[in-house]
C-alpha cells in the first residue's frame, strides 16, 4: 500500500483531490486511516495509507472503446 506524508494545512478532501483528482476519494482514504478519521486539518508529517484507486470507465464510449474490453 502506498503512503502519503501530510503537510501543514492538509485536509481530507484536498489530499483526496491531489492523489486521485476527485474529492470522492476522501471516503476510501478515511476508511484506510481510521486512527485519523477525527482530524480535520493535518499537521506536518502524518503518514497516511493510500488505498488503490479504482479506475472507472465512462459508459458513453462504445464497447470497443472502453478500457475493460481492451
Protein backbone atom coordinates (compact mmCIF):
# COMPACT_ATOMS: atom_id res chain seq x y z
CA UNK A 1 0.00 0.00 0.00
CA UNK A 2 1.27 3.46 -0.84
CA UNK A 3 1.57 6.21 1.75
CA UNK A 4 1.18 9.98 1.82
CA UNK A 5 3.01 12.33 4.20
CA UNK A 6 0.89 15.33 5.12
CA UNK A 7 1.95 18.95 5.01
CA UNK A 8 0.67 21.64 7.36
CA UNK A 9 -2.93 22.54 6.50
CA UNK A 10 -3.79 19.39 4.51
CA UNK A 11 -7.45 18.35 4.66
CA UNK A 12 -9.07 15.04 3.69
CA UNK A 13 -10.73 16.44 0.58
CA UNK A 14 -7.58 18.26 -0.51
CA UNK A 15 -5.45 15.14 -0.09
CA UNK A 16 -8.02 13.05 -1.98
CA UNK A 17 -8.07 15.55 -4.84
CA UNK A 18 -4.29 15.73 -5.08
CA UNK A 19 -3.96 11.93 -5.11
CA UNK A 20 -6.96 10.86 -7.21
CA UNK A 21 -8.16 14.01 -8.94
CA UNK A 22 -11.51 13.91 -7.15
CA UNK A 23 -12.78 14.65 -3.65
CA UNK A 24 -14.84 11.43 -3.85
CA UNK A 25 -11.65 9.52 -2.97
CA UNK A 26 -11.90 11.05 0.51
CA UNK A 27 -14.15 8.24 1.84
CA UNK A 28 -11.85 5.32 0.96
CA UNK A 29 -8.87 7.38 2.13
CA UNK A 30 -10.50 7.96 5.53
CA UNK A 31 -11.53 4.30 5.78
CA UNK A 32 -7.90 3.29 5.22
CA UNK A 33 -6.83 5.58 8.09
CA UNK A 34 -9.37 5.17 10.92
CA UNK A 35 -6.91 6.44 13.57
CA UNK A 36 -7.01 9.89 11.93
CA UNK A 37 -10.71 9.98 10.98
CA UNK A 38 -11.41 12.76 13.52
CA UNK A 39 -8.68 15.01 12.11
CA UNK A 40 -9.95 17.99 10.13
CA UNK A 41 -6.72 19.87 9.38
CA UNK A 42 -3.49 17.90 9.45
CA UNK A 43 -0.15 18.97 10.87
CA UNK A 44 3.07 18.23 9.00
CA UNK A 45 4.40 14.69 8.87
CA UNK A 46 1.39 12.43 9.43
CA UNK A 47 1.77 9.26 7.38
CA UNK A 48 -1.49 8.13 5.76
CA UNK A 49 -2.16 4.85 3.98
CA UNK A 50 -3.39 5.33 0.42
CA UNK A 51 -5.67 2.55 -0.90
CA UNK A 52 -5.75 1.55 -4.56
CA UNK A 53 -7.64 3.98 -6.76
CA UNK A 54 -10.45 2.33 -8.69
CA UNK A 55 -10.37 3.45 -12.30
CA UNK A 56 -13.82 3.86 -13.76
CA UNK A 57 -14.58 3.94 -17.43
CA UNK A 58 -17.22 6.15 -18.92
CA UNK A 59 -20.34 4.44 -20.22
CA UNK A 60 -20.62 6.96 -23.03
CA UNK A 61 -17.94 5.19 -25.05
CA UNK A 62 -18.94 2.35 -27.37
CA UNK A 63 -17.96 -1.12 -26.09
CA UNK A 64 -14.86 -1.32 -28.29
CA UNK A 65 -13.51 1.94 -26.75
CA UNK A 66 -13.97 1.01 -23.08
CA UNK A 67 -10.85 0.02 -21.11
CA UNK A 68 -12.31 -3.19 -19.68
CA UNK A 69 -12.76 -4.53 -23.24
CA UNK A 70 -9.17 -3.82 -24.27
